[in-house]
Amino acid sequence: MKELVEVIAKALVEHPDEVVVTEKQEGKNIRVQLHVAPSDMGKVIGKQGRIAKAIRSVVKAASSKDDIRVDVDIQ
């Protein structure tokens, strides 16, 4: 899941070298934290959070076949 979030985020931002994705697994839960440059935060969140919601939906769909719950935090 880390790689999926990283690829999506790097495609959206102006400073892809500042994208940092960390992943922590806690049983069947995985927490993915996405850090981007402050100037790119709006591009990753989108108007009314639509892009952030879309990223979470894609990750949820990808994780559903493995029976794992993934939370994506954008910071």
PDB file of N, CA and C in Angstrom:
ATOM      1  N   MET A   1       0.817  -1.194   0.000  1.00  0.00           N
ATOM      2  CA  MET A   1       0.000   0.000   0.000  1.00  0.00           C
ATOM      3  C   MET A   1       0.861   1.258   0.000  1.00  0.00           C
ATOM      4  N   LYS A   2       2.009   1.170   0.616  1.00  0.00           N
ATOM      5  CA  LYS A   2       2.912   2.316   0.686  1.00  0.00           C
ATOM      6  C   LYS A   2       3.289   2.783  -0.722  1.00  0.00           C
ATOM      7  N   GLU A   3       3.612   1.843  -1.586  1.00  0.00           N
ATOM      8  CA  GLU A   3       4.028   2.187  -2.941  1.00  0.00           C
ATOM      9  C   GLU A   3       2.888   2.814  -3.734  1.00  0.00           C
ATOM     10  N   LEU A   4       1.674   2.310  -3.535  1.00  0.00           N
ATOM     11  CA  LEU A   4       0.510   2.844  -4.235  1.00  0.00           C
ATOM     12  C   LEU A   4       0.270   4.302  -3.858  1.00  0.00           C
ATOM     13  N   VAL A   5       0.293   4.603  -2.572  1.00  0.00           N
ATOM     14  CA  VAL A   5       0.081   5.982  -2.100  1.00  0.00           C
ATOM     15  C   VAL A   5       1.196   6.885  -2.609  1.00  0.00           C
ATOM     16  N   GLU A   6       2.421   6.380  -2.594  1.00  0.00           N
ATOM     17  CA  GLU A   6       3.562   7.176  -3.045  1.00  0.00           C
ATOM     18  C   GLU A   6       3.459   7.536  -4.527  1.00  0.00           C
ATOM     19  N   VAL A   7       3.075   6.589  -5.355  1.00  0.00           N
ATOM     20  CA  VAL A   7       2.942   6.842  -6.792  1.00  0.00           C
ATOM     21  C   VAL A   7       1.841   7.868  -7.060  1.00  0.00           C
ATOM     22  N   ILE A   8       0.717   7.726  -6.388  1.00  0.00           N
ATOM     23  CA  ILE A   8      -0.392   8.663  -6.578  1.00  0.00           C
ATOM     24  C   ILE A   8       0.011  10.065  -6.136  1.00  0.00           C
ATOM     25  N   ALA A   9       0.628  10.170  -4.971  1.00  0.00           N
ATOM     26  CA  ALA A   9       0.999  11.478  -4.424  1.00  0.00           C
ATOM     27  C   ALA A   9       2.036  12.170  -5.297  1.00  0.00           C
ATOM     28  N   LYS A  10       3.036  11.436  -5.765  1.00  0.00           N
ATOM     29  CA  LYS A  10       4.088  12.039  -6.592  1.00  0.00           C
ATOM     30  C   LYS A  10       3.536  12.543  -7.918  1.00  0.00           C
ATOM     31  N   ALA A  11       2.475  11.917  -8.402  1.00  0.00           N
ATOM     32  CA  ALA A  11       1.861  12.379  -9.649  1.00  0.00           C
ATOM     33  C   ALA A  11       1.075  13.674  -9.461  1.00  0.00           C
ATOM     34  N   LEU A  12       0.663  13.957  -8.234  1.00  0.00           N
ATOM     35  CA  LEU A  12      -0.173  15.130  -7.973  1.00  0.00           C
ATOM     36  C   LEU A  12       0.601  16.388  -7.620  1.00  0.00           C
ATOM     37  N   VAL A  13       1.760  16.249  -6.995  1.00  0.00           N
ATOM     38  CA  VAL A  13       2.450  17.396  -6.407  1.00  0.00           C
ATOM     39  C   VAL A  13       3.480  18.023  -7.342  1.00  0.00           C
ATOM     40  N   GLU A  14       3.891  19.256  -6.996  1.00  0.00           N
ATOM     41  CA  GLU A  14       4.935  19.949  -7.762  1.00  0.00           C
ATOM     42  C   GLU A  14       6.329  19.573  -7.282  1.00  0.00           C
ATOM     43  N   HIS A  15       6.435  19.121  -6.032  1.00  0.00           N
ATOM     44  CA  HIS A  15       7.731  18.748  -5.455  1.00  0.00           C
ATOM     45  C   HIS A  15       7.715  17.260  -5.073  1.00  0.00           C
ATOM     46  N   PRO A  16       7.832  16.370  -6.060  1.00  0.00           N
ATOM     47  CA  PRO A  16       7.742  14.932  -5.750  1.00  0.00           C
ATOM     48  C   PRO A  16       8.894  14.415  -4.890  1.00  0.00           C
ATOM     49  N   ASP A  17      10.009  15.134  -4.872  1.00  0.00           N
ATOM     50  CA  ASP A  17      11.130  14.690  -4.046  1.00  0.00           C
ATOM     51  C   ASP A  17      10.865  14.881  -2.552  1.00  0.00           C
ATOM     52  N   GLU A  18       9.858  15.677  -2.189  1.00  0.00           N
ATOM     53  CA  GLU A  18       9.529  15.916  -0.784  1.00  0.00           C
ATOM     54  C   GLU A  18       8.399  15.014  -0.285  1.00  0.00           C
ATOM     55  N   VAL A  19       7.943  14.086  -1.112  1.00  0.00           N
ATOM     56  CA  VAL A  19       6.898  13.153  -0.696  1.00  0.00           C
ATOM     57  C   VAL A  19       7.531  12.032   0.123  1.00  0.00           C
ATOM     58  N   VAL A  20       7.016  11.850   1.338  1.00  0.00           N
ATOM     59  CA  VAL A  20       7.508  10.788   2.218  1.00  0.00           C
ATOM     60  C   VAL A  20       6.301   9.977   2.685  1.00  0.00           C
ATOM     61  N   VAL A  21       6.370   8.665   2.481  1.00  0.00           N
ATOM     62  CA  VAL A  21       5.282   7.783   2.883  1.00  0.00           C
ATOM     63  C   VAL A  21       5.831   6.757   3.867  1.00  0.00           C
ATOM     64  N   THR A  22       5.191   6.656   5.030  1.00  0.00           N
ATOM     65  CA  THR A  22       5.580   5.656   6.024  1.00  0.00           C
ATOM     66  C   THR A  22       4.397   4.731   6.269  1.00  0.00           C
ATOM     67  N   GLU A  23       4.710   3.504   6.638  1.00  0.00           N
ATOM     68  CA  GLU A  23       3.671   2.495   6.832  1.00  0.00           C
ATOM     69  C   GLU A  23       3.929   1.758   8.145  1.00  0.00           C
ATOM     70  N   LYS A  24       2.880   1.641   8.957  1.00  0.00           N
ATOM     71  CA  LYS A  24       2.970   0.904  10.222  1.00  0.00           C
ATOM     72  C   LYS A  24       1.870  -0.139  10.235  1.00  0.00           C
ATOM     73  N   GLN A  25       2.242  -1.380  10.509  1.00  0.00           N
ATOM     74  CA  GLN A  25       1.251  -2.444  10.558  1.00  0.00           C
ATOM     75  C   GLN A  25       0.960  -2.817  12.001  1.00  0.00           C
ATOM     76  N   GLU A  26      -0.329  -2.889  12.322  1.00  0.00           N
ATOM     77  CA  GLU A  26      -0.787  -3.246  13.651  1.00  0.00           C
ATOM     78  C   GLU A  26      -1.834  -4.351  13.497  1.00  0.00           C
ATOM     79  N   GLY A  27      -1.382  -5.587  13.425  1.00  0.00           N
ATOM     80  CA  GLY A  27      -2.300  -6.708  13.202  1.00  0.00           C
ATOM     81  C   GLY A  27      -2.837  -6.669  11.783  1.00  0.00           C
ATOM     82  N   LYS A  28      -4.179  -6.595  11.654  1.00  0.00           N
ATOM     83  CA  LYS A  28      -4.787  -6.513  10.320  1.00  0.00           C
ATOM     84  C   LYS A  28      -5.039  -5.072   9.893  1.00  0.00           C
ATOM     85  N   ASN A  29      -4.536  -4.126  10.672  1.00  0.00           N
ATOM     86  CA  ASN A  29      -4.665  -2.707  10.329  1.00  0.00           C
ATOM     87  C   ASN A  29      -3.324  -2.169   9.888  1.00  0.00           C
ATOM     88  N   ILE A  30      -3.338  -1.364   8.840  1.00  0.00           N
ATOM     89  CA  ILE A  30      -2.132  -0.695   8.364  1.00  0.00           C
ATOM     90  C   ILE A  30      -2.404   0.799   8.352  1.00  0.00           C
ATOM     91  N   ARG A  31      -1.482   1.570   8.940  1.00  0.00           N
ATOM     92  CA  ARG A  31      -1.592   3.031   8.926  1.00  0.00           C
ATOM     93  C   ARG A  31      -0.531   3.574   7.982  1.00  0.00           C
ATOM     94  N   VAL A  32      -0.977   4.251   6.939  1.00  0.00           N
ATOM     95  CA  VAL A  32      -0.085   4.859   5.960  1.00  0.00           C
ATOM     96  C   VAL A  32      -0.108   6.361   6.196  1.00  0.00           C
ATOM     97  N   GLN A  33       1.075   6.942   6.437  1.00  0.00           N
ATOM     98  CA  GLN A  33       1.177   8.382   6.652  1.00  0.00           C
ATOM     99  C   GLN A  33       1.863   9.011   5.452  1.00  0.00           C
ATOM    100  N   LEU A  34       1.224  10.016   4.889  1.00  0.00           N
ATOM    101  CA  LEU A  34       1.727  10.718   3.716  1.00  0.00           C
ATOM    102  C   LEU A  34       2.141  12.120   4.129  1.00  0.00           C
ATOM    103  N   HIS A  35       3.403  12.451   3.921  1.00  0.00           N
ATOM    104  CA  HIS A  35       3.932  13.786   4.211  1.00  0.00           C
ATOM    105  C   HIS A  35       4.305  14.434   2.885  1.00  0.00           C
ATOM    106  N   VAL A  36       3.794  15.652   2.658  1.00  0.00           N
ATOM    107  CA  VAL A  36       4.124  16.409   1.449  1.00  0.00           C
ATOM    108  C   VAL A  36       4.572  17.807   1.854  1.00  0.00           C
ATOM    109  N   ALA A  37       5.140  18.525   0.904  1.00  0.00           N
ATOM    110  CA  ALA A  37       5.554  19.909   1.160  1.00  0.00           C
ATOM    111  C   ALA A  37       4.307  20.743   1.485  1.00  0.00           C
ATOM    112  N   PRO A  38       4.449  21.729   2.366  1.00  0.00           N
ATOM    113  CA  PRO A  38       3.285  22.568   2.714  1.00  0.00           C
ATOM    114  C   PRO A  38       2.619  23.219   1.500  1.00  0.00           C
ATOM    115  N   SER A  39       3.399  23.573   0.493  1.00  0.00           N
ATOM    116  CA  SER A  39       2.814  24.203  -0.688  1.00  0.00           C
ATOM    117  C   SER A  39       2.009  23.211  -1.534  1.00  0.00           C
ATOM    118  N   ASP A  40       2.237  21.912  -1.358  1.00  0.00           N
ATOM    119  CA  ASP A  40       1.523  20.886  -2.124  1.00  0.00           C
ATOM    120  C   ASP A  40       0.342  20.292  -1.374  1.00  0.00           C
ATOM    121  N   MET A  41       0.123  20.730  -0.150  1.00  0.00           N
ATOM    122  CA  MET A  41      -0.934  20.141   0.678  1.00  0.00           C
ATOM    123  C   MET A  41      -2.310  20.282   0.014  1.00  0.00           C
ATOM    124  N   GLY A  42      -2.578  21.434  -0.554  1.00  0.00           N
ATOM    125  CA  GLY A  42      -3.868  21.657  -1.210  1.00  0.00           C
ATOM    126  C   GLY A  42      -4.091  20.759  -2.411  1.00  0.00           C
ATOM    127  N   LYS A  43      -3.037  20.435  -3.117  1.00  0.00           N
ATOM    128  CA  LYS A  43      -3.157  19.568  -4.294  1.00  0.00           C
ATOM    129  C   LYS A  43      -3.475  18.134  -3.892  1.00  0.00           C
ATOM    130  N   VAL A  44      -2.967  17.713  -2.747  1.00  0.00           N
ATOM    131  CA  VAL A  44      -3.204  16.342  -2.296  1.00  0.00           C
ATOM    132  C   VAL A  44      -4.587  16.214  -1.647  1.00  0.00           C
ATOM    133  N   ILE A  45      -5.033  17.281  -0.984  1.00  0.00           N
ATOM    134  CA  ILE A  45      -6.347  17.235  -0.328  1.00  0.00           C
ATOM    135  C   ILE A  45      -7.459  17.525  -1.334  1.00  0.00           C
ATOM    136  N   GLY A  46      -7.273  18.522  -2.180  1.00  0.00           N
ATOM    137  CA  GLY A  46      -8.279  18.852  -3.185  1.00  0.00           C
ATOM    138  C   GLY A  46      -9.420  19.678  -2.617  1.00  0.00           C
ATOM    139  N   LYS A  47     -10.265  20.156  -3.504  1.00  0.00           N
ATOM    140  CA  LYS A  47     -11.416  20.947  -3.079  1.00  0.00           C
ATOM    141  C   LYS A  47     -12.369  20.055  -2.296  1.00  0.00           C
ATOM    142  N   GLN A  48     -12.722  20.521  -1.113  1.00  0.00           N
ATOM    143  CA  GLN A  48     -13.623  19.817  -0.203  1.00  0.00           C
ATOM    144  C   GLN A  48     -13.138  18.392   0.088  1.00  0.00           C
ATOM    145  N   GLY A  49     -11.829  18.156  -0.026  1.00  0.00           N
ATOM    146  CA  GLY A  49     -11.256  16.864   0.313  1.00  0.00           C
ATOM    147  C   GLY A  49     -11.506  15.763  -0.689  1.00  0.00           C
ATOM    148  N   ARG A  50     -11.863  16.128  -1.903  1.00  0.00           N
ATOM    149  CA  ARG A  50     -12.227  15.116  -2.901  1.00  0.00           C
ATOM    150  C   ARG A  50     -11.053  14.240  -3.314  1.00  0.00           C
ATOM    151  N   ILE A  51      -9.882  14.827  -3.492  1.00  0.00           N
ATOM    152  CA  ILE A  51      -8.721  14.031  -3.918  1.00  0.00           C
ATOM    153  C   ILE A  51      -8.277  13.115  -2.783  1.00  0.00           C
ATOM    154  N   ALA A  52      -8.269  13.622  -1.552  1.00  0.00           N
ATOM    155  CA  ALA A  52      -7.911  12.786  -0.401  1.00  0.00           C
ATOM    156  C   ALA A  52      -8.881  11.617  -0.274  1.00  0.00           C
ATOM    157  N   LYS A  53     -10.140  11.880  -0.474  1.00  0.00           N
ATOM    158  CA  LYS A  53     -11.156  10.816  -0.402  1.00  0.00           C
ATOM    159  C   LYS A  53     -10.944   9.797  -1.516  1.00  0.00           C
ATOM    160  N   ALA A  54     -10.574  10.268  -2.701  1.00  0.00           N
ATOM    161  CA  ALA A  54     -10.323   9.359  -3.819  1.00  0.00           C
ATOM    162  C   ALA A  54      -9.100   8.478  -3.553  1.00  0.00           C
ATOM    163  N   ILE A  55      -8.056   9.068  -2.971  1.00  0.00           N
ATOM    164  CA  ILE A  55      -6.858   8.285  -2.624  1.00  0.00           C
ATOM    165  C   ILE A  55      -7.246   7.196  -1.625  1.00  0.00           C
ATOM    166  N   ARG A  56      -8.017   7.559  -0.626  1.00  0.00           N
ATOM    167  CA  ARG A  56      -8.440   6.573   0.381  1.00  0.00           C
ATOM    168  C   ARG A  56      -9.303   5.479  -0.241  1.00  0.00           C
ATOM    169  N   SER A  57     -10.152   5.840  -1.192  1.00  0.00           N
ATOM    170  CA  SER A  57     -11.010   4.850  -1.854  1.00  0.00           C
ATOM    171  C   SER A  57     -10.193   3.861  -2.675  1.00  0.00           C
ATOM    172  N   VAL A  58      -9.191   4.355  -3.386  1.00  0.00           N
ATOM    173  CA  VAL A  58      -8.336   3.476  -4.187  1.00  0.00           C
ATOM    174  C   VAL A  58      -7.566   2.520  -3.286  1.00  0.00           C
ATOM    175  N   VAL A  59      -7.030   3.034  -2.194  1.00  0.00           N
ATOM    176  CA  VAL A  59      -6.276   2.193  -1.258  1.00  0.00           C
ATOM    177  C   VAL A  59      -7.198   1.157  -0.613  1.00  0.00           C
ATOM    178  N   LYS A  60      -8.405   1.566  -0.266  1.00  0.00           N
ATOM    179  CA  LYS A  60      -9.363   0.630   0.325  1.00  0.00           C
ATOM    180  C   LYS A  60      -9.712  -0.483  -0.656  1.00  0.00           C
ATOM    181  N   ALA A  61      -9.912  -0.137  -1.912  1.00  0.00           N
ATOM    182  CA  ALA A  61     -10.226  -1.147  -2.920  1.00  0.00           C
ATOM    183  C   ALA A  61      -9.059  -2.110  -3.120  1.00  0.00           C
ATOM    184  N   ALA A  62      -7.843  -1.584  -3.104  1.00  0.00           N
ATOM    185  CA  ALA A  62      -6.663  -2.427  -3.286  1.00  0.00           C
ATOM    186  C   ALA A  62      -6.436  -3.344  -2.090  1.00  0.00           C
ATOM    187  N   SER A  63      -6.818  -2.895  -0.897  1.00  0.00           N
ATOM    188  CA  SER A  63      -6.570  -3.700   0.303  1.00  0.00           C
ATOM    189  C   SER A  63      -7.696  -4.686   0.597  1.00  0.00           C
ATOM    190  N   SER A  64      -8.834  -4.528  -0.043  1.00  0.00           N
ATOM    191  CA  SER A  64      -9.979  -5.379   0.283  1.00  0.00           C
ATOM    192  C   SER A  64      -9.744  -6.841  -0.080  1.00  0.00           C
ATOM    193  N   LYS A  65      -8.972  -7.110  -1.111  1.00  0.00           N
ATOM    194  CA  LYS A  65      -8.734  -8.508  -1.503  1.00  0.00           C
ATOM    195  C   LYS A  65      -7.820  -9.222  -0.504  1.00  0.00           C
ATOM    196  N   ASP A  66      -7.019  -8.471   0.258  1.00  0.00           N
ATOM    197  CA  ASP A  66      -6.128  -9.068   1.254  1.00  0.00           C
ATOM    198  C   ASP A  66      -6.752  -9.099   2.647  1.00  0.00           C
ATOM    199  N   ASP A  67      -8.008  -8.644   2.775  1.00  0.00           N
ATOM    200  CA  ASP A  67      -8.709  -8.613   4.053  1.00  0.00           C
ATOM    201  C   ASP A  67      -7.930  -7.815   5.097  1.00  0.00           C
ATOM    202  N   ILE A  68      -7.466  -6.635   4.681  1.00  0.00           N
ATOM    203  CA  ILE A  68      -6.695  -5.746   5.550  1.00  0.00           C
ATOM    204  C   ILE A  68      -7.370  -4.383   5.547  1.00  0.00           C
ATOM    205  N   ARG A  69      -7.371  -3.703   6.692  1.00  0.00           N
ATOM    206  CA  ARG A  69      -7.910  -2.343   6.785  1.00  0.00           C
ATOM    207  C   ARG A  69      -6.762  -1.357   6.731  1.00  0.00           C
ATOM    208  N   VAL A  70      -6.849  -0.377   5.844  1.00  0.00           N
ATOM    209  CA  VAL A  70      -5.780   0.599   5.661  1.00  0.00           C
ATOM    210  C   VAL A  70      -6.344   1.997   5.932  1.00  0.00           C
ATOM    211  N   ASP A  71      -5.644   2.743   6.803  1.00  0.00           N
ATOM    212  CA  ASP A  71      -5.979   4.136   7.080  1.00  0.00           C
ATOM    213  C   ASP A  71      -4.896   5.011   6.468  1.00  0.00           C
ATOM    214  N   VAL A  72      -5.292   6.047   5.738  1.00  0.00           N
ATOM    215  CA  VAL A  72      -4.347   6.962   5.125  1.00  0.00           C
ATOM    216  C   VAL A  72      -4.443   8.308   5.827  1.00  0.00           C
ATOM    217  N   ASP A  73      -3.334   8.746   6.420  1.00  0.00           N
ATOM    218  CA  ASP A  73      -3.255  10.048   7.076  1.00  0.00           C
ATOM    219  C   ASP A  73      -2.401  10.965   6.218  1.00  0.00           C
ATOM    220  N   ILE A  74      -2.908  12.152   5.937  1.00  0.00           N
ATOM    221  CA  ILE A  74      -2.172  13.128   5.134  1.00  0.00           C
ATOM    222  C   ILE A  74      -1.698  14.235   6.054  1.00  0.00           C
ATOM    223  N   GLN A  75      -0.367  14.459   6.047  1.00  0.00           N
ATOM    224  CA  GLN A  75       0.212  15.474   6.927  1.00  0.00           C
ATOM    225  C   GLN A  75       1.124  16.365   6.152  1.00  0.00           C
TER     226      GLN A  75
END
